């Protein structure tokens, strides 16, 4: 896979943030790094997209956040999924799978 970061379609940041946080609590920078690692360096969320997404998801009740010490002993805001966020992740993941399957059908037309 290419190591050149891909542009993400609008709306995918929320889905990816929810999925990363399903793995456990993370602070903003570690969410971005985890996504980068899990995508084999193909995806990178810019701060200008990540932090507004985190605040939006928190306002919707899909995330909860608390300040605590990070690995480097500085305080960081850690985010984790709420029960409502887990349900939303399932809904969005299902919709994404249907969408990508439909797009794949069209791309495979000869």
PDB file of N, CA and C in Angstrom:
ATOM      1  N   UNK A   1       0.843  -1.179   0.000  1.00  0.00           N
ATOM      2  CA  UNK A   1       0.000   0.000   0.000  1.00  0.00           C
ATOM      3  C   UNK A   1       0.888   1.242   0.000  1.00  0.00           C
ATOM      4  N   UNK A   2       0.455   2.245  -0.735  1.00  0.00           N
ATOM      5  CA  UNK A   2       1.201   3.489  -0.815  1.00  0.00           C
ATOM      6  C   UNK A   2       1.251   4.181   0.548  1.00  0.00           C
ATOM      7  N   UNK A   3       2.355   4.872   0.804  1.00  0.00           N
ATOM      8  CA  UNK A   3       2.487   5.599   2.068  1.00  0.00           C
ATOM      9  C   UNK A   3       2.088   7.060   1.917  1.00  0.00           C
ATOM     10  N   UNK A   4       1.509   7.412   0.763  1.00  0.00           N
ATOM     11  CA  UNK A   4       1.010   8.763   0.574  1.00  0.00           C
ATOM     12  C   UNK A   4      -0.391   8.840   1.174  1.00  0.00           C
ATOM     13  N   UNK A   5      -0.626   9.732   2.158  1.00  0.00           N
ATOM     14  CA  UNK A   5      -1.940   9.808   2.800  1.00  0.00           C
ATOM     15  C   UNK A   5      -3.061  10.059   1.798  1.00  0.00           C
ATOM     16  N   UNK A   6      -4.187   9.399   2.009  1.00  0.00           N
ATOM     17  CA  UNK A   6      -5.361   9.552   1.155  1.00  0.00           C
ATOM     18  C   UNK A   6      -6.295  10.606   1.731  1.00  0.00           C
ATOM     19  N   UNK A   7      -7.012  11.287   0.856  1.00  0.00           N
ATOM     20  CA  UNK A   7      -8.057  12.206   1.307  1.00  0.00           C
ATOM     21  C   UNK A   7      -9.260  11.371   1.708  1.00  0.00           C
ATOM     22  N   UNK A   8      -9.854  11.708   2.836  1.00  0.00           N
ATOM     23  CA  UNK A   8     -11.012  10.960   3.313  1.00  0.00           C
ATOM     24  C   UNK A   8     -12.291  11.644   2.860  1.00  0.00           C
ATOM     25  N   UNK A   9     -13.247  10.869   2.349  1.00  0.00           N
ATOM     26  CA  UNK A   9     -14.544  11.468   2.004  1.00  0.00           C
ATOM     27  C   UNK A   9     -15.196  12.063   3.241  1.00  0.00           C
ATOM     28  N   UNK A  10     -15.983  13.102   3.022  1.00  0.00           N
ATOM     29  CA  UNK A  10     -16.676  13.769   4.126  1.00  0.00           C
ATOM     30  C   UNK A  10     -17.517  12.745   4.895  1.00  0.00           C
ATOM     31  N   UNK A  11     -17.503  12.844   6.199  1.00  0.00           N
ATOM     32  CA  UNK A  11     -18.292  11.944   7.036  1.00  0.00           C
ATOM     33  C   UNK A  11     -17.540  10.733   7.542  1.00  0.00           C
ATOM     34  N   UNK A  12     -16.398  10.429   6.962  1.00  0.00           N
ATOM     35  CA  UNK A  12     -15.671   9.237   7.408  1.00  0.00           C
ATOM     36  C   UNK A  12     -14.884   9.483   8.691  1.00  0.00           C
ATOM     37  N   UNK A  13     -14.550  10.730   8.982  1.00  0.00           N
ATOM     38  CA  UNK A  13     -13.776  11.015  10.193  1.00  0.00           C
ATOM     39  C   UNK A  13     -14.546  10.562  11.430  1.00  0.00           C
ATOM     40  N   UNK A  14     -15.835  10.868  11.492  1.00  0.00           N
ATOM     41  CA  UNK A  14     -16.634  10.458  12.657  1.00  0.00           C
ATOM     42  C   UNK A  14     -16.612   8.936  12.816  1.00  0.00           C
ATOM     43  N   UNK A  15     -16.849   8.229  11.722  1.00  0.00           N
ATOM     44  CA  UNK A  15     -16.854   6.764  11.766  1.00  0.00           C
ATOM     45  C   UNK A  15     -15.511   6.230  12.240  1.00  0.00           C
ATOM     46  N   UNK A  16     -14.427   6.754  11.719  1.00  0.00           N
ATOM     47  CA  UNK A  16     -13.099   6.258  12.087  1.00  0.00           C
ATOM     48  C   UNK A  16     -12.746   6.588  13.534  1.00  0.00           C
ATOM     49  N   UNK A  17     -13.132   7.770  13.994  1.00  0.00           N
ATOM     50  CA  UNK A  17     -12.886   8.131  15.396  1.00  0.00           C
ATOM     51  C   UNK A  17     -13.660   7.187  16.308  1.00  0.00           C
ATOM     52  N   UNK A  18     -14.930   6.945  15.988  1.00  0.00           N
ATOM     53  CA  UNK A  18     -15.723   6.013  16.803  1.00  0.00           C
ATOM     54  C   UNK A  18     -15.075   4.631  16.824  1.00  0.00           C
ATOM     55  N   UNK A  19     -14.587   4.179  15.678  1.00  0.00           N
ATOM     56  CA  UNK A  19     -13.979   2.842  15.609  1.00  0.00           C
ATOM     57  C   UNK A  19     -12.693   2.767  16.427  1.00  0.00           C
ATOM     58  N   UNK A  20     -11.861   3.787  16.338  1.00  0.00           N
ATOM     59  CA  UNK A  20     -10.616   3.805  17.118  1.00  0.00           C
ATOM     60  C   UNK A  20     -10.946   3.790  18.607  1.00  0.00           C
ATOM     61  N   UNK A  21     -11.941   4.578  19.009  1.00  0.00           N
ATOM     62  CA  UNK A  21     -12.287   4.636  20.431  1.00  0.00           C
ATOM     63  C   UNK A  21     -12.989   3.375  20.918  1.00  0.00           C
ATOM     64  N   UNK A  22     -13.506   2.562  20.018  1.00  0.00           N
ATOM     65  CA  UNK A  22     -14.069   1.266  20.413  1.00  0.00           C
ATOM     66  C   UNK A  22     -12.964   0.354  20.944  1.00  0.00           C
ATOM     67  N   UNK A  23     -11.726   0.654  20.585  1.00  0.00           N
ATOM     68  CA  UNK A  23     -10.572  -0.126  21.058  1.00  0.00           C
ATOM     69  C   UNK A  23     -10.159   0.267  22.473  1.00  0.00           C
ATOM     70  N   UNK A  24     -10.641   1.425  22.941  1.00  0.00           N
ATOM     71  CA  UNK A  24     -10.297   1.903  24.279  1.00  0.00           C
ATOM     72  C   UNK A  24     -10.105   3.404  24.270  1.00  0.00           C
ATOM     73  N   UNK A  25     -10.002   4.013  25.460  1.00  0.00           N
ATOM     74  CA  UNK A  25      -9.850   5.466  25.562  1.00  0.00           C
ATOM     75  C   UNK A  25      -8.532   5.954  24.946  1.00  0.00           C
ATOM     76  N   UNK A  26      -8.598   7.106  24.312  1.00  0.00           N
ATOM     77  CA  UNK A  26      -7.419   7.740  23.709  1.00  0.00           C
ATOM     78  C   UNK A  26      -7.569   9.247  23.812  1.00  0.00           C
ATOM     79  N   UNK A  27      -6.439   9.948  23.795  1.00  0.00           N
ATOM     80  CA  UNK A  27      -6.477  11.402  23.647  1.00  0.00           C
ATOM     81  C   UNK A  27      -6.329  11.719  22.163  1.00  0.00           C
ATOM     82  N   UNK A  28      -6.578  12.964  21.810  1.00  0.00           N
ATOM     83  CA  UNK A  28      -6.623  13.347  20.405  1.00  0.00           C
ATOM     84  C   UNK A  28      -5.435  12.903  19.584  1.00  0.00           C
ATOM     85  N   UNK A  29      -4.239  13.237  20.035  1.00  0.00           N
ATOM     86  CA  UNK A  29      -3.044  12.884  19.261  1.00  0.00           C
ATOM     87  C   UNK A  29      -2.939  11.380  19.081  1.00  0.00           C
ATOM     88  N   UNK A  30      -3.261  10.609  20.119  1.00  0.00           N
ATOM     89  CA  UNK A  30      -3.124   9.151  20.000  1.00  0.00           C
ATOM     90  C   UNK A  30      -4.207   8.560  19.096  1.00  0.00           C
ATOM     91  N   UNK A  31      -5.364   9.216  18.974  1.00  0.00           N
ATOM     92  CA  UNK A  31      -6.380   8.767  18.021  1.00  0.00           C
ATOM     93  C   UNK A  31      -5.825   8.890  16.604  1.00  0.00           C
ATOM     94  N   UNK A  32      -5.250  10.047  16.310  1.00  0.00           N
ATOM     95  CA  UNK A  32      -4.672  10.285  14.985  1.00  0.00           C
ATOM     96  C   UNK A  32      -3.545   9.303  14.685  1.00  0.00           C
ATOM     97  N   UNK A  33      -2.687   9.065  15.658  1.00  0.00           N
ATOM     98  CA  UNK A  33      -1.569   8.137  15.460  1.00  0.00           C
ATOM     99  C   UNK A  33      -2.043   6.699  15.278  1.00  0.00           C
ATOM    100  N   UNK A  34      -3.039   6.296  16.058  1.00  0.00           N
ATOM    101  CA  UNK A  34      -3.571   4.926  15.958  1.00  0.00           C
ATOM    102  C   UNK A  34      -4.197   4.704  14.587  1.00  0.00           C
ATOM    103  N   UNK A  35      -4.954   5.687  14.100  1.00  0.00           N
ATOM    104  CA  UNK A  35      -5.542   5.579  12.770  1.00  0.00           C
ATOM    105  C   UNK A  35      -4.453   5.453  11.713  1.00  0.00           C
ATOM    106  N   UNK A  36      -3.426   6.251  11.841  1.00  0.00           N
ATOM    107  CA  UNK A  36      -2.309   6.218  10.899  1.00  0.00           C
ATOM    108  C   UNK A  36      -1.646   4.828  10.897  1.00  0.00           C
ATOM    109  N   UNK A  37      -1.437   4.279  12.086  1.00  0.00           N
ATOM    110  CA  UNK A  37      -0.827   2.946  12.202  1.00  0.00           C
ATOM    111  C   UNK A  37      -1.722   1.858  11.626  1.00  0.00           C
ATOM    112  N   UNK A  38      -2.992   1.857  12.033  1.00  0.00           N
ATOM    113  CA  UNK A  38      -3.910   0.791  11.603  1.00  0.00           C
ATOM    114  C   UNK A  38      -4.195   0.825  10.107  1.00  0.00           C
ATOM    115  N   UNK A  39      -4.029   1.988   9.484  1.00  0.00           N
ATOM    116  CA  UNK A  39      -4.267   2.098   8.041  1.00  0.00           C
ATOM    117  C   UNK A  39      -2.987   1.900   7.234  1.00  0.00           C
ATOM    118  N   UNK A  40      -1.948   1.389   7.872  1.00  0.00           N
ATOM    119  CA  UNK A  40      -0.647   1.215   7.217  1.00  0.00           C
ATOM    120  C   UNK A  40      -0.161   2.531   6.611  1.00  0.00           C
ATOM    121  N   UNK A  41      -0.359   3.591   7.348  1.00  0.00           N
ATOM    122  CA  UNK A  41       0.089   4.945   7.000  1.00  0.00           C
ATOM    123  C   UNK A  41      -0.666   5.542   5.815  1.00  0.00           C
ATOM    124  N   UNK A  42      -1.801   4.962   5.426  1.00  0.00           N
ATOM    125  CA  UNK A  42      -2.563   5.495   4.293  1.00  0.00           C
ATOM    126  C   UNK A  42      -3.490   6.635   4.701  1.00  0.00           C
ATOM    127  N   UNK A  43      -3.898   6.666   5.970  1.00  0.00           N
ATOM    128  CA  UNK A  43      -4.832   7.697   6.423  1.00  0.00           C
ATOM    129  C   UNK A  43      -4.205   8.551   7.514  1.00  0.00           C
ATOM    130  N   UNK A  44      -4.490   9.834   7.431  1.00  0.00           N
ATOM    131  CA  UNK A  44      -4.040  10.762   8.464  1.00  0.00           C
ATOM    132  C   UNK A  44      -5.137  11.796   8.657  1.00  0.00           C
ATOM    133  N   UNK A  45      -5.549  11.971   9.918  1.00  0.00           N
ATOM    134  CA  UNK A  45      -6.547  12.996  10.242  1.00  0.00           C
ATOM    135  C   UNK A  45      -5.803  14.252  10.646  1.00  0.00           C
ATOM    136  N   UNK A  46      -6.135  15.350  10.007  1.00  0.00           N
ATOM    137  CA  UNK A  46      -5.528  16.629  10.362  1.00  0.00           C
ATOM    138  C   UNK A  46      -6.202  17.172  11.617  1.00  0.00           C
ATOM    139  N   UNK A  47      -5.459  17.916  12.419  1.00  0.00           N
ATOM    140  CA  UNK A  47      -6.000  18.493  13.655  1.00  0.00           C
ATOM    141  C   UNK A  47      -7.238  19.335  13.392  1.00  0.00           C
ATOM    142  N   UNK A  48      -7.250  20.029  12.254  1.00  0.00           N
ATOM    143  CA  UNK A  48      -8.379  20.874  11.900  1.00  0.00           C
ATOM    144  C   UNK A  48      -9.657  20.095  11.634  1.00  0.00           C
ATOM    145  N   UNK A  49      -9.541  18.790  11.428  1.00  0.00           N
ATOM    146  CA  UNK A  49     -10.711  17.915  11.261  1.00  0.00           C
ATOM    147  C   UNK A  49     -10.970  17.103  12.518  1.00  0.00           C
ATOM    148  N   UNK A  50      -9.899  16.665  13.175  1.00  0.00           N
ATOM    149  CA  UNK A  50     -10.037  15.775  14.323  1.00  0.00           C
ATOM    150  C   UNK A  50     -10.723  16.441  15.509  1.00  0.00           C
ATOM    151  N   UNK A  51     -10.225  17.586  15.937  1.00  0.00           N
ATOM    152  CA  UNK A  51     -10.751  18.183  17.163  1.00  0.00           C
ATOM    153  C   UNK A  51     -12.198  18.670  17.013  1.00  0.00           C
ATOM    154  N   UNK A  52     -12.563  19.270  15.884  1.00  0.00           N
ATOM    155  CA  UNK A  52     -13.991  19.575  15.717  1.00  0.00           C
ATOM    156  C   UNK A  52     -14.860  18.305  15.733  1.00  0.00           C
ATOM    157  N   UNK A  53     -14.358  17.213  15.156  1.00  0.00           N
ATOM    158  CA  UNK A  53     -15.108  15.947  15.171  1.00  0.00           C
ATOM    159  C   UNK A  53     -15.267  15.445  16.606  1.00  0.00           C
ATOM    160  N   UNK A  54     -14.201  15.487  17.392  1.00  0.00           N
ATOM    161  CA  UNK A  54     -14.285  15.032  18.783  1.00  0.00           C
ATOM    162  C   UNK A  54     -15.302  15.858  19.569  1.00  0.00           C
ATOM    163  N   UNK A  55     -15.286  17.169  19.383  1.00  0.00           N
ATOM    164  CA  UNK A  55     -16.234  18.029  20.096  1.00  0.00           C
ATOM    165  C   UNK A  55     -17.669  17.765  19.632  1.00  0.00           C
ATOM    166  N   UNK A  56     -17.846  17.558  18.334  1.00  0.00           N
ATOM    167  CA  UNK A  56     -19.175  17.268  17.790  1.00  0.00           C
ATOM    168  C   UNK A  56     -19.706  15.941  18.342  1.00  0.00           C
ATOM    169  N   UNK A  57     -18.867  14.921  18.359  1.00  0.00           N
ATOM    170  CA  UNK A  57     -19.275  13.604  18.859  1.00  0.00           C
ATOM    171  C   UNK A  57     -19.577  13.652  20.357  1.00  0.00           C
ATOM    172  N   UNK A  58     -18.821  14.463  21.076  1.00  0.00           N
ATOM    173  CA  UNK A  58     -19.071  14.623  22.513  1.00  0.00           C
ATOM    174  C   UNK A  58     -20.412  15.332  22.741  1.00  0.00           C
ATOM    175  N   UNK A  59     -20.684  16.384  21.967  1.00  0.00           N
ATOM    176  CA  UNK A  59     -21.962  17.103  22.090  1.00  0.00           C
ATOM    177  C   UNK A  59     -23.148  16.190  21.790  1.00  0.00           C
ATOM    178  N   UNK A  60     -22.973  15.262  20.866  1.00  0.00           N
ATOM    179  CA  UNK A  60     -24.058  14.333  20.504  1.00  0.00           C
ATOM    180  C   UNK A  60     -24.251  13.228  21.543  1.00  0.00           C
ATOM    181  N   UNK A  61     -23.340  13.165  22.507  1.00  0.00           N
ATOM    182  CA  UNK A  61     -23.451  12.145  23.544  1.00  0.00           C
ATOM    183  C   UNK A  61     -22.844  10.815  23.153  1.00  0.00           C
ATOM    184  N   UNK A  62     -22.074  10.785  22.067  1.00  0.00           N
ATOM    185  CA  UNK A  62     -21.454   9.544  21.602  1.00  0.00           C
ATOM    186  C   UNK A  62     -20.103   9.301  22.256  1.00  0.00           C
ATOM    187  N   UNK A  63     -19.518  10.354  22.810  1.00  0.00           N
ATOM    188  CA  UNK A  63     -18.247  10.259  23.527  1.00  0.00           C
ATOM    189  C   UNK A  63     -18.376  10.934  24.873  1.00  0.00           C
ATOM    190  N   UNK A  64     -17.567  10.477  25.822  1.00  0.00           N
ATOM    191  CA  UNK A  64     -17.379  11.224  27.062  1.00  0.00           C
ATOM    192  C   UNK A  64     -15.883  11.469  27.182  1.00  0.00           C
ATOM    193  N   UNK A  65     -15.538  12.509  27.890  1.00  0.00           N
ATOM    194  CA  UNK A  65     -14.130  12.892  27.964  1.00  0.00           C
ATOM    195  C   UNK A  65     -13.777  13.292  29.380  1.00  0.00           C
ATOM    196  N   UNK A  66     -12.509  13.055  29.729  1.00  0.00           N
ATOM    197  CA  UNK A  66     -11.994  13.507  31.013  1.00  0.00           C
ATOM    198  C   UNK A  66     -10.509  13.800  30.879  1.00  0.00           C
ATOM    199  N   UNK A  67     -10.069  14.767  31.667  1.00  0.00           N
ATOM    200  CA  UNK A  67      -8.652  15.122  31.698  1.00  0.00           C
ATOM    201  C   UNK A  67      -7.926  14.161  32.622  1.00  0.00           C
ATOM    202  N   UNK A  68      -6.786  13.637  32.154  1.00  0.00           N
ATOM    203  CA  UNK A  68      -5.945  12.788  32.997  1.00  0.00           C
ATOM    204  C   UNK A  68      -4.505  12.841  32.493  1.00  0.00           C
ATOM    205  N   UNK A  69      -3.568  12.347  33.287  1.00  0.00           N
ATOM    206  CA  UNK A  69      -2.163  12.364  32.846  1.00  0.00           C
ATOM    207  C   UNK A  69      -1.967  11.478  31.612  1.00  0.00           C
ATOM    208  N   UNK A  70      -1.158  11.955  30.692  1.00  0.00           N
ATOM    209  CA  UNK A  70      -0.837  11.158  29.505  1.00  0.00           C
ATOM    210  C   UNK A  70       0.483  10.434  29.742  1.00  0.00           C
ATOM    211  N   UNK A  71       0.943   9.718  28.717  1.00  0.00           N
ATOM    212  CA  UNK A  71       2.186   8.946  28.835  1.00  0.00           C
ATOM    213  C   UNK A  71       3.395   9.819  29.140  1.00  0.00           C
ATOM    214  N   UNK A  72       3.357  11.075  28.683  1.00  0.00           N
ATOM    215  CA  UNK A  72       4.511  11.949  28.921  1.00  0.00           C
ATOM    216  C   UNK A  72       4.317  12.832  30.161  1.00  0.00           C
ATOM    217  N   UNK A  73       3.429  12.437  31.048  1.00  0.00           N
ATOM    218  CA  UNK A  73       3.139  13.075  32.338  1.00  0.00           C
ATOM    219  C   UNK A  73       2.396  14.412  32.228  1.00  0.00           C
ATOM    220  N   UNK A  74       2.111  14.870  31.028  1.00  0.00           N
ATOM    221  CA  UNK A  74       1.288  16.057  30.886  1.00  0.00           C
ATOM    222  C   UNK A  74      -0.174  15.635  30.864  1.00  0.00           C
ATOM    223  N   UNK A  75      -1.059  16.563  31.198  1.00  0.00           N
ATOM    224  CA  UNK A  75      -2.488  16.240  31.182  1.00  0.00           C
ATOM    225  C   UNK A  75      -3.009  16.284  29.745  1.00  0.00           C
ATOM    226  N   UNK A  76      -3.913  15.361  29.446  1.00  0.00           N
ATOM    227  CA  UNK A  76      -4.534  15.310  28.127  1.00  0.00           C
ATOM    228  C   UNK A  76      -6.003  14.939  28.304  1.00  0.00           C
ATOM    229  N   UNK A  77      -6.808  15.356  27.365  1.00  0.00           N
ATOM    230  CA  UNK A  77      -8.230  15.025  27.409  1.00  0.00           C
ATOM    231  C   UNK A  77      -8.428  13.677  26.725  1.00  0.00           C
ATOM    232  N   UNK A  78      -8.853  12.692  27.502  1.00  0.00           N
ATOM    233  CA  UNK A  78      -9.078  11.342  26.987  1.00  0.00           C
ATOM    234  C   UNK A  78     -10.552  11.169  26.638  1.00  0.00           C
ATOM    235  N   UNK A  79     -10.789  10.568  25.486  1.00  0.00           N
ATOM    236  CA  UNK A  79     -12.142  10.336  25.005  1.00  0.00           C
ATOM    237  C   UNK A  79     -12.433   8.842  25.026  1.00  0.00           C
ATOM    238  N   UNK A  80     -13.692   8.504  25.317  1.00  0.00           N
ATOM    239  CA  UNK A  80     -14.113   7.113  25.198  1.00  0.00           C
ATOM    240  C   UNK A  80     -15.566   7.071  24.755  1.00  0.00           C
ATOM    241  N   UNK A  81     -15.939   5.943  24.155  1.00  0.00           N
ATOM    242  CA  UNK A  81     -17.305   5.778  23.661  1.00  0.00           C
ATOM    243  C   UNK A  81     -18.292   5.648  24.808  1.00  0.00           C
ATOM    244  N   UNK A  82     -19.466   6.197  24.599  1.00  0.00           N
ATOM    245  CA  UNK A  82     -20.584   5.963  25.501  1.00  0.00           C
ATOM    246  C   UNK A  82     -21.400   4.806  24.914  1.00  0.00           C
ATOM    247  N   UNK A  83     -22.394   4.363  25.637  1.00  0.00           N
ATOM    248  CA  UNK A  83     -23.283   3.315  25.113  1.00  0.00           C
ATOM    249  C   UNK A  83     -23.942   3.802  23.820  1.00  0.00           C
ATOM    250  N   UNK A  84     -24.346   5.051  23.823  1.00  0.00           N
ATOM    251  CA  UNK A  84     -24.953   5.664  22.634  1.00  0.00           C
ATOM    252  C   UNK A  84     -23.949   5.702  21.476  1.00  0.00           C
ATOM    253  N   UNK A  85     -22.692   5.949  21.786  1.00  0.00           N
ATOM    254  CA  UNK A  85     -21.637   5.974  20.774  1.00  0.00           C
ATOM    255  C   UNK A  85     -21.390   4.605  20.169  1.00  0.00           C
ATOM    256  N   UNK A  86     -21.453   3.563  20.985  1.00  0.00           N
ATOM    257  CA  UNK A  86     -21.282   2.197  20.464  1.00  0.00           C
ATOM    258  C   UNK A  86     -22.416   1.847  19.502  1.00  0.00           C
ATOM    259  N   UNK A  87     -23.643   2.232  19.852  1.00  0.00           N
ATOM    260  CA  UNK A  87     -24.784   1.985  18.967  1.00  0.00           C
ATOM    261  C   UNK A  87     -24.618   2.758  17.658  1.00  0.00           C
ATOM    262  N   UNK A  88     -24.137   3.995  17.756  1.00  0.00           N
ATOM    263  CA  UNK A  88     -23.926   4.803  16.558  1.00  0.00           C
ATOM    264  C   UNK A  88     -22.837   4.209  15.679  1.00  0.00           C
ATOM    265  N   UNK A  89     -21.792   3.689  16.286  1.00  0.00           N
ATOM    266  CA  UNK A  89     -20.730   3.036  15.528  1.00  0.00           C
ATOM    267  C   UNK A  89     -21.302   1.873  14.714  1.00  0.00           C
ATOM    268  N   UNK A  90     -22.130   1.051  15.322  1.00  0.00           N
ATOM    269  CA  UNK A  90     -22.743  -0.069  14.595  1.00  0.00           C
ATOM    270  C   UNK A  90     -23.585   0.434  13.430  1.00  0.00           C
ATOM    271  N   UNK A  91     -24.366   1.475  13.661  1.00  0.00           N
ATOM    272  CA  UNK A  91     -25.216   2.043  12.614  1.00  0.00           C
ATOM    273  C   UNK A  91     -24.374   2.584  11.464  1.00  0.00           C
ATOM    274  N   UNK A  92     -23.357   3.372  11.799  1.00  0.00           N
ATOM    275  CA  UNK A  92     -22.521   3.975  10.762  1.00  0.00           C
ATOM    276  C   UNK A  92     -21.666   2.949  10.028  1.00  0.00           C
ATOM    277  N   UNK A  93     -21.164   1.948  10.730  1.00  0.00           N
ATOM    278  CA  UNK A  93     -20.363   0.909  10.085  1.00  0.00           C
ATOM    279  C   UNK A  93     -21.225   0.114   9.102  1.00  0.00           C
ATOM    280  N   UNK A  94     -22.443  -0.202   9.485  1.00  0.00           N
ATOM    281  CA  UNK A  94     -23.348  -0.926   8.593  1.00  0.00           C
ATOM    282  C   UNK A  94     -23.651  -0.102   7.341  1.00  0.00           C
ATOM    283  N   UNK A  95     -23.938   1.185   7.527  1.00  0.00           N
ATOM    284  CA  UNK A  95     -24.224   2.064   6.390  1.00  0.00           C
ATOM    285  C   UNK A  95     -23.006   2.175   5.479  1.00  0.00           C
ATOM    286  N   UNK A  96     -21.812   2.269   6.073  1.00  0.00           N
ATOM    287  CA  UNK A  96     -20.575   2.368   5.280  1.00  0.00           C
ATOM    288  C   UNK A  96     -20.363   1.099   4.461  1.00  0.00           C
ATOM    289  N   UNK A  97     -20.587  -0.061   5.057  1.00  0.00           N
ATOM    290  CA  UNK A  97     -20.404  -1.323   4.337  1.00  0.00           C
ATOM    291  C   UNK A  97     -21.378  -1.434   3.168  1.00  0.00           C
ATOM    292  N   UNK A  98     -22.622  -0.995   3.355  1.00  0.00           N
ATOM    293  CA  UNK A  98     -23.601  -1.017   2.262  1.00  0.00           C
ATOM    294  C   UNK A  98     -23.178  -0.067   1.149  1.00  0.00           C
ATOM    295  N   UNK A  99     -22.734   1.111   1.525  1.00  0.00           N
ATOM    296  CA  UNK A  99     -22.304   2.095   0.538  1.00  0.00           C
ATOM    297  C   UNK A  99     -21.109   1.592  -0.266  1.00  0.00           C
ATOM    298  N   UNK A 100     -20.091   1.081   0.424  1.00  0.00           N
ATOM    299  CA  UNK A 100     -18.895   0.634  -0.291  1.00  0.00           C
ATOM    300  C   UNK A 100     -19.193  -0.582  -1.165  1.00  0.00           C
ATOM    301  N   UNK A 101     -20.108  -1.452  -0.735  1.00  0.00           N
ATOM    302  CA  UNK A 101     -20.493  -2.598  -1.566  1.00  0.00           C
ATOM    303  C   UNK A 101     -21.182  -2.119  -2.840  1.00  0.00           C
ATOM    304  N   UNK A 102     -22.058  -1.117  -2.719  1.00  0.00           N
ATOM    305  CA  UNK A 102     -22.760  -0.585  -3.888  1.00  0.00           C
ATOM    306  C   UNK A 102     -21.789   0.105  -4.845  1.00  0.00           C
ATOM    307  N   UNK A 103     -20.860   0.884  -4.303  1.00  0.00           N
ATOM    308  CA  UNK A 103     -19.871   1.553  -5.144  1.00  0.00           C
ATOM    309  C   UNK A 103     -18.995   0.520  -5.846  1.00  0.00           C
ATOM    310  N   UNK A 104     -18.605  -0.528  -5.140  1.00  0.00           N
ATOM    311  CA  UNK A 104     -17.789  -1.588  -5.734  1.00  0.00           C
ATOM    312  C   UNK A 104     -18.497  -2.247  -6.910  1.00  0.00           C
ATOM    313  N   UNK A 105     -19.805  -2.475  -6.768  1.00  0.00           N
ATOM    314  CA  UNK A 105     -20.561  -3.062  -7.878  1.00  0.00           C
ATOM    315  C   UNK A 105     -20.476  -2.194  -9.114  1.00  0.00           C
ATOM    316  N   UNK A 106     -20.583  -0.900  -8.930  1.00  0.00           N
ATOM    317  CA  UNK A 106     -20.532   0.013 -10.065  1.00  0.00           C
ATOM    318  C   UNK A 106     -19.137   0.062 -10.667  1.00  0.00           C
ATOM    319  N   UNK A 107     -18.126   0.066  -9.837  1.00  0.00           N
ATOM    320  CA  UNK A 107     -16.738   0.130 -10.327  1.00  0.00           C
ATOM    321  C   UNK A 107     -16.347  -1.139 -11.069  1.00  0.00           C
ATOM    322  N   UNK A 108     -16.979  -2.243 -10.791  1.00  0.00           N
ATOM    323  CA  UNK A 108     -16.638  -3.525 -11.421  1.00  0.00           C
ATOM    324  C   UNK A 108     -17.345  -3.735 -12.758  1.00  0.00           C
ATOM    325  N   UNK A 109     -18.204  -2.810 -13.153  1.00  0.00           N
ATOM    326  CA  UNK A 109     -18.917  -2.951 -14.426  1.00  0.00           C
ATOM    327  C   UNK A 109     -17.915  -2.880 -15.562  1.00  0.00           C
ATOM    328  N   UNK A 110     -18.074  -3.794 -16.510  1.00  0.00           N
ATOM    329  CA  UNK A 110     -17.153  -3.808 -17.675  1.00  0.00           C
ATOM    330  C   UNK A 110     -17.807  -3.280 -18.905  1.00  0.00           C
TER     331      UNK A 110
END
